[in-house]
Amino acid sequence: MIITTSRKPSQRTRSLANDLSKVFNIKTVNRGKTSASELIEKYKNFVVIEELKGNPNKLKIYDVENNKVLSVIMAIKLQREIISEKVEIQNTIVYDFEDNCKEFRKLFTKFLFNNLKKPIYAINTNKKDNTEYTLLKFNKGCEGVHFLDFYNVNDSENVHIGPKLKITGHKIFDIFEEEE
């Protein structure tokens, strides 16, 4: 799995790609003139960050084998806007989805988590290899808005490290189907 951006990305979009790349331990690929069809031919799973007016606004997670794309509409706050110092990302990822976010848990597991090389576990399992990990906290706000936050967790504290994704909508569609 790789992460890339739309063509000619803004600095904020490149920063989000780097933030997510560090957290999920996936390679960032500079898109350049590479077409979507070339990405589809080369990778069976990949993430594309699209932007609107210079700001990342869509995360598209491609599952080429099943001909599906999960498109997530979002607003973001970058890691550098949340914490000013360099962040050391933990080796293990643990996710915590509130009960009212079961649909997103299924979608993120199917499209993203199952395709990561880095170990990722639900918070209620005992599979964490130690007490230090990166926590993905997914919760529901009001009016159908969802939030995905990233924390470094150790014995003494939870540190919000970002990025923060405010998810306002999502859609699943076929890869070769035009998105409405």
C-alpha atoms as a PDB file:
ATOM      1  CA  MET A   1       0.000   0.000   0.000  1.00  0.00           C
ATOM      2  CA  ILE A   2       1.164   3.521  -0.818  1.00  0.00           C
ATOM      3  CA  ILE A   3      -0.142   7.022  -0.269  1.00  0.00           C
ATOM      4  CA  THR A   4      -0.060   9.740  -2.902  1.00  0.00           C
ATOM      5  CA  THR A   5      -1.754  13.027  -3.735  1.00  0.00           C
ATOM      6  CA  SER A   6      -3.613  14.542  -6.619  1.00  0.00           C
ATOM      7  CA  ARG A   7      -1.389  16.232  -9.199  1.00  0.00           C
ATOM      8  CA  LYS A   8       0.363  19.474  -8.216  1.00  0.00           C
ATOM      9  CA  PRO A   9      -0.516  19.236  -4.510  1.00  0.00           C
ATOM     10  CA  SER A  10      -0.333  22.146  -2.095  1.00  0.00           C
ATOM     11  CA  GLN A  11       2.070  22.093   0.860  1.00  0.00           C
ATOM     12  CA  ARG A  12      -0.836  21.245   3.222  1.00  0.00           C
ATOM     13  CA  THR A  13      -1.755  18.223   1.097  1.00  0.00           C
ATOM     14  CA  ARG A  14       1.854  17.019   0.995  1.00  0.00           C
ATOM     15  CA  SER A  15       2.075  17.496   4.773  1.00  0.00           C
ATOM     16  CA  LEU A  16      -1.058  15.408   5.354  1.00  0.00           C
ATOM     17  CA  ALA A  17       0.355  12.667   3.105  1.00  0.00           C
ATOM     18  CA  ASN A  18       3.563  12.675   5.165  1.00  0.00           C
ATOM     19  CA  ASP A  19       1.642  12.667   8.478  1.00  0.00           C
ATOM     20  CA  LEU A  20      -0.473   9.669   7.453  1.00  0.00           C
ATOM     21  CA  SER A  21       2.550   7.930   5.942  1.00  0.00           C
ATOM     22  CA  LYS A  22       4.383   8.114   9.284  1.00  0.00           C
ATOM     23  CA  VAL A  23       1.436   6.936  11.360  1.00  0.00           C
ATOM     24  CA  PHE A  24       0.535   3.992   9.112  1.00  0.00           C
ATOM     25  CA  ASN A  25       4.116   3.205   8.037  1.00  0.00           C
ATOM     26  CA  ILE A  26       3.274   3.302   4.339  1.00  0.00           C
ATOM     27  CA  LYS A  27       5.368   4.730   1.543  1.00  0.00           C
ATOM     28  CA  THR A  28       4.562   8.161   0.096  1.00  0.00           C
ATOM     29  CA  VAL A  29       4.868   8.303  -3.690  1.00  0.00           C
ATOM     30  CA  ASN A  30       5.152  11.615  -5.514  1.00  0.00           C
ATOM     31  CA  ARG A  31       2.416  11.541  -8.120  1.00  0.00           C
ATOM     32  CA  GLY A  32       3.917  13.787 -10.788  1.00  0.00           C
ATOM     33  CA  LYS A  33       2.336  12.984 -14.137  1.00  0.00           C
ATOM     34  CA  THR A  34       1.263   9.482 -13.131  1.00  0.00           C
ATOM     35  CA  SER A  35      -2.341   8.891 -14.171  1.00  0.00           C
ATOM     36  CA  ALA A  36      -4.944   7.172 -12.011  1.00  0.00           C
ATOM     37  CA  SER A  37      -4.999   4.235 -14.449  1.00  0.00           C
ATOM     38  CA  GLU A  38      -1.213   3.808 -14.042  1.00  0.00           C
ATOM     39  CA  LEU A  39      -1.631   3.721 -10.246  1.00  0.00           C
ATOM     40  CA  ILE A  40      -4.389   1.124 -10.640  1.00  0.00           C
ATOM     41  CA  GLU A  41      -2.144  -1.041 -12.827  1.00  0.00           C
ATOM     42  CA  LYS A  42       0.818  -0.806 -10.448  1.00  0.00           C
ATOM     43  CA  TYR A  43      -0.769  -1.091  -6.960  1.00  0.00           C
ATOM     44  CA  LYS A  44      -3.571  -3.263  -5.641  1.00  0.00           C
ATOM     45  CA  ASN A  45      -4.268  -0.882  -2.719  1.00  0.00           C
ATOM     46  CA  PHE A  46      -3.432   2.797  -2.430  1.00  0.00           C
ATOM     47  CA  VAL A  47      -4.602   6.070  -0.908  1.00  0.00           C
ATOM     48  CA  VAL A  48      -4.992   9.337  -2.840  1.00  0.00           C
ATOM     49  CA  ILE A  49      -5.407  12.659  -1.050  1.00  0.00           C
ATOM     50  CA  GLU A  50      -7.355  15.157  -3.152  1.00  0.00           C
ATOM     51  CA  GLU A  51      -7.682  18.853  -2.474  1.00  0.00           C
ATOM     52  CA  LEU A  52     -10.008  21.787  -3.007  1.00  0.00           C
ATOM     53  CA  LYS A  53      -8.634  25.343  -3.086  1.00  0.00           C
ATOM     54  CA  GLY A  54      -5.258  24.173  -1.753  1.00  0.00           C
ATOM     55  CA  ASN A  55      -6.663  22.221   1.201  1.00  0.00           C
ATOM     56  CA  PRO A  56      -6.921  18.439   1.495  1.00  0.00           C
ATOM     57  CA  ASN A  57     -10.630  17.635   1.312  1.00  0.00           C
ATOM     58  CA  LYS A  58     -10.933  14.018   0.201  1.00  0.00           C
ATOM     59  CA  LEU A  59      -9.231  10.762   1.079  1.00  0.00           C
ATOM     60  CA  LYS A  60      -9.791   8.053  -1.526  1.00  0.00           C
ATOM     61  CA  ILE A  61      -8.792   4.535  -0.521  1.00  0.00           C
ATOM     62  CA  TYR A  62      -8.587   2.204  -3.526  1.00  0.00           C
ATOM     63  CA  ASP A  63      -9.154  -1.557  -3.391  1.00  0.00           C
ATOM     64  CA  VAL A  64      -8.232  -2.520  -6.959  1.00  0.00           C
ATOM     65  CA  GLU A  65      -8.822  -6.268  -6.514  1.00  0.00           C
ATOM     66  CA  ASN A  66     -12.466  -5.651  -5.592  1.00  0.00           C
ATOM     67  CA  ASN A  67     -12.887  -2.667  -7.972  1.00  0.00           C
ATOM     68  CA  LYS A  68     -13.987  -0.381  -5.095  1.00  0.00           C
ATOM     69  CA  VAL A  69     -13.043   3.035  -3.752  1.00  0.00           C
ATOM     70  CA  LEU A  70     -13.911   4.470  -0.349  1.00  0.00           C
ATOM     71  CA  SER A  71     -14.123   8.239  -0.741  1.00  0.00           C
ATOM     72  CA  VAL A  72     -14.075  10.199   2.522  1.00  0.00           C
ATOM     73  CA  ILE A  73     -14.891  13.937   2.557  1.00  0.00           C
ATOM     74  CA  MET A  74     -12.977  15.696   5.299  1.00  0.00           C
ATOM     75  CA  ALA A  75     -11.503  18.805   6.831  1.00  0.00           C
ATOM     76  CA  ILE A  76      -8.124  18.455   8.523  1.00  0.00           C
ATOM     77  CA  LYS A  77      -5.802  19.813  11.118  1.00  0.00           C
ATOM     78  CA  LEU A  78      -2.196  18.833  10.419  1.00  0.00           C
ATOM     79  CA  GLN A  79       0.197  17.260  12.890  1.00  0.00           C
ATOM     80  CA  ARG A  80       2.348  20.421  12.953  1.00  0.00           C
ATOM     81  CA  GLU A  81      -0.756  22.492  13.835  1.00  0.00           C
ATOM     82  CA  ILE A  82      -1.504  20.270  16.831  1.00  0.00           C
ATOM     83  CA  ILE A  83       1.955  19.637  18.252  1.00  0.00           C
ATOM     84  CA  SER A  84       4.998  21.732  17.422  1.00  0.00           C
ATOM     85  CA  GLU A  85       7.767  19.238  18.198  1.00  0.00           C
ATOM     86  CA  LYS A  86       8.837  16.181  16.214  1.00  0.00           C
ATOM     87  CA  VAL A  87       6.665  13.191  17.009  1.00  0.00           C
ATOM     88  CA  GLU A  88       7.949   9.657  17.475  1.00  0.00           C
ATOM     89  CA  ILE A  89       5.340   7.281  16.102  1.00  0.00           C
ATOM     90  CA  GLN A  90       4.935   4.001  18.000  1.00  0.00           C
ATOM     91  CA  ASN A  91       5.351   0.619  16.296  1.00  0.00           C
ATOM     92  CA  THR A  92       1.891  -0.638  17.188  1.00  0.00           C
ATOM     93  CA  ILE A  93      -1.388   0.991  16.184  1.00  0.00           C
ATOM     94  CA  VAL A  94      -4.505   0.529  18.288  1.00  0.00           C
ATOM     95  CA  TYR A  95      -7.903   1.766  17.142  1.00  0.00           C
ATOM     96  CA  ASP A  96     -10.887   2.737  19.241  1.00  0.00           C
ATOM     97  CA  PHE A  97     -14.194   3.313  17.476  1.00  0.00           C
ATOM     98  CA  GLU A  98     -17.129   4.446  19.589  1.00  0.00           C
ATOM     99  CA  ASP A  99     -20.190   2.168  19.397  1.00  0.00           C
ATOM    100  CA  ASN A 100     -22.033   4.671  17.201  1.00  0.00           C
ATOM    101  CA  CYS A 101     -19.224   4.451  14.586  1.00  0.00           C
ATOM    102  CA  LYS A 102     -19.527   0.755  13.672  1.00  0.00           C
ATOM    103  CA  GLU A 103     -20.059   1.481   9.971  1.00  0.00           C
ATOM    104  CA  PHE A 104     -16.781   3.416   9.787  1.00  0.00           C
ATOM    105  CA  ARG A 105     -14.972   0.671  11.686  1.00  0.00           C
ATOM    106  CA  LYS A 106     -16.046  -1.863   9.046  1.00  0.00           C
ATOM    107  CA  LEU A 107     -15.098   0.466   6.178  1.00  0.00           C
ATOM    108  CA  PHE A 108     -11.678   1.441   7.554  1.00  0.00           C
ATOM    109  CA  THR A 109     -10.896  -2.182   8.426  1.00  0.00           C
ATOM    110  CA  LYS A 110     -11.825  -3.413   4.950  1.00  0.00           C
ATOM    111  CA  PHE A 111     -10.224  -0.626   2.917  1.00  0.00           C
ATOM    112  CA  LEU A 112      -7.243   0.412   5.066  1.00  0.00           C
ATOM    113  CA  PHE A 113      -6.390  -1.597   8.175  1.00  0.00           C
ATOM    114  CA  ASN A 114      -6.362  -5.009   6.452  1.00  0.00           C
ATOM    115  CA  ASN A 115      -3.799  -3.696   3.947  1.00  0.00           C
ATOM    116  CA  LEU A 116      -1.225  -2.302   6.385  1.00  0.00           C
ATOM    117  CA  LYS A 117       2.045  -4.063   7.185  1.00  0.00           C
ATOM    118  CA  LYS A 118       2.199  -2.428  10.615  1.00  0.00           C
ATOM    119  CA  PRO A 119       0.357  -4.309  13.412  1.00  0.00           C
ATOM    120  CA  ILE A 120      -3.057  -2.791  14.145  1.00  0.00           C
ATOM    121  CA  TYR A 121      -5.455  -3.966  16.840  1.00  0.00           C
ATOM    122  CA  ALA A 122      -8.766  -3.046  18.411  1.00  0.00           C
ATOM    123  CA  ILE A 123      -8.344  -1.380  21.789  1.00  0.00           C
ATOM    124  CA  ASN A 124     -10.191  -4.158  23.632  1.00  0.00           C
ATOM    125  CA  THR A 125      -7.743  -6.888  22.557  1.00  0.00           C
ATOM    126  CA  ASN A 126      -4.683  -8.013  24.489  1.00  0.00           C
ATOM    127  CA  LYS A 127      -2.528  -8.192  21.364  1.00  0.00           C
ATOM    128  CA  LYS A 128      -0.732  -4.919  21.979  1.00  0.00           C
ATOM    129  CA  ASP A 129       2.969  -5.791  22.258  1.00  0.00           C
ATOM    130  CA  ASN A 130       3.605  -3.201  24.985  1.00  0.00           C
ATOM    131  CA  THR A 131       2.039  -0.256  26.779  1.00  0.00           C
ATOM    132  CA  GLU A 132       3.264   2.299  24.223  1.00  0.00           C
ATOM    133  CA  TYR A 133       1.268   2.601  21.034  1.00  0.00           C
ATOM    134  CA  THR A 134      -0.337   5.019  18.589  1.00  0.00           C
ATOM    135  CA  LEU A 135      -4.074   5.303  19.219  1.00  0.00           C
ATOM    136  CA  LEU A 136      -6.571   6.074  16.453  1.00  0.00           C
ATOM    137  CA  LYS A 137      -9.638   7.434  18.228  1.00  0.00           C
ATOM    138  CA  PHE A 138     -12.789   7.608  16.112  1.00  0.00           C
ATOM    139  CA  ASN A 139     -15.860   9.298  17.521  1.00  0.00           C
ATOM    140  CA  LYS A 140     -19.094  10.848  16.371  1.00  0.00           C
ATOM    141  CA  GLY A 141     -19.914  14.503  16.833  1.00  0.00           C
ATOM    142  CA  CYS A 142     -23.245  16.133  16.157  1.00  0.00           C
ATOM    143  CA  GLU A 143     -25.149  16.158  12.852  1.00  0.00           C
ATOM    144  CA  GLY A 144     -23.394  13.122  11.375  1.00  0.00           C
ATOM    145  CA  VAL A 145     -19.864  14.528  11.628  1.00  0.00           C
ATOM    146  CA  HIS A 146     -17.150  12.063  12.699  1.00  0.00           C
ATOM    147  CA  PHE A 147     -13.657  12.739  14.042  1.00  0.00           C
ATOM    148  CA  LEU A 148     -10.495  10.672  13.686  1.00  0.00           C
ATOM    149  CA  ASP A 149      -7.711  11.701  16.081  1.00  0.00           C
ATOM    150  CA  PHE A 150      -4.228  10.262  16.597  1.00  0.00           C
ATOM    151  CA  TYR A 151      -2.547   9.954  20.017  1.00  0.00           C
ATOM    152  CA  ASN A 152       0.726   8.560  21.336  1.00  0.00           C
ATOM    153  CA  VAL A 153      -0.051   6.518  24.431  1.00  0.00           C
ATOM    154  CA  ASN A 154       2.394   5.372  27.098  1.00  0.00           C
ATOM    155  CA  ASP A 155       2.267   4.507  30.799  1.00  0.00           C
ATOM    156  CA  SER A 156       2.100   8.082  31.985  1.00  0.00           C
ATOM    157  CA  GLU A 157       0.150  10.044  29.360  1.00  0.00           C
ATOM    158  CA  ASN A 158      -1.834  10.297  26.136  1.00  0.00           C
ATOM    159  CA  VAL A 159      -0.452  12.960  23.782  1.00  0.00           C
ATOM    160  CA  HIS A 160      -2.620  14.227  20.931  1.00  0.00           C
ATOM    161  CA  ILE A 161      -0.216  14.107  17.970  1.00  0.00           C
ATOM    162  CA  GLY A 162      -2.500  14.603  14.998  1.00  0.00           C
ATOM    163  CA  PRO A 163      -3.478  14.831  12.326  1.00  0.00           C
ATOM    164  CA  LYS A 164      -7.152  15.391  13.124  1.00  0.00           C
ATOM    165  CA  LEU A 165      -9.663  14.455  10.443  1.00  0.00           C
ATOM    166  CA  LYS A 166     -13.186  15.850  10.562  1.00  0.00           C
ATOM    167  CA  ILE A 167     -15.199  13.504   8.336  1.00  0.00           C
ATOM    168  CA  THR A 168     -18.357  15.030   6.900  1.00  0.00           C
ATOM    169  CA  GLY A 169     -19.344  12.335   4.409  1.00  0.00           C
ATOM    170  CA  HIS A 170     -18.327   9.187   2.588  1.00  0.00           C
ATOM    171  CA  LYS A 171     -19.246   7.105  -0.423  1.00  0.00           C
ATOM    172  CA  ILE A 172     -18.215   3.751  -1.863  1.00  0.00           C
ATOM    173  CA  PHE A 173     -18.163   3.404  -5.621  1.00  0.00           C
ATOM    174  CA  ASP A 174     -16.647   1.275  -8.366  1.00  0.00           C
ATOM    175  CA  ILE A 175     -13.206   2.376  -9.537  1.00  0.00           C
ATOM    176  CA  PHE A 176     -14.287   2.900 -13.117  1.00  0.00           C
ATOM    177  CA  GLU A 177     -17.583   4.538 -12.194  1.00  0.00           C
ATOM    178  CA  GLU A 178     -17.663   8.336 -12.217  1.00  0.00           C
ATOM    179  CA  GLU A 179     -18.129   9.806  -8.753  1.00  0.00           C
ATOM    180  CA  GLU A 180     -21.202  12.029  -8.498  1.00  0.00           C
END
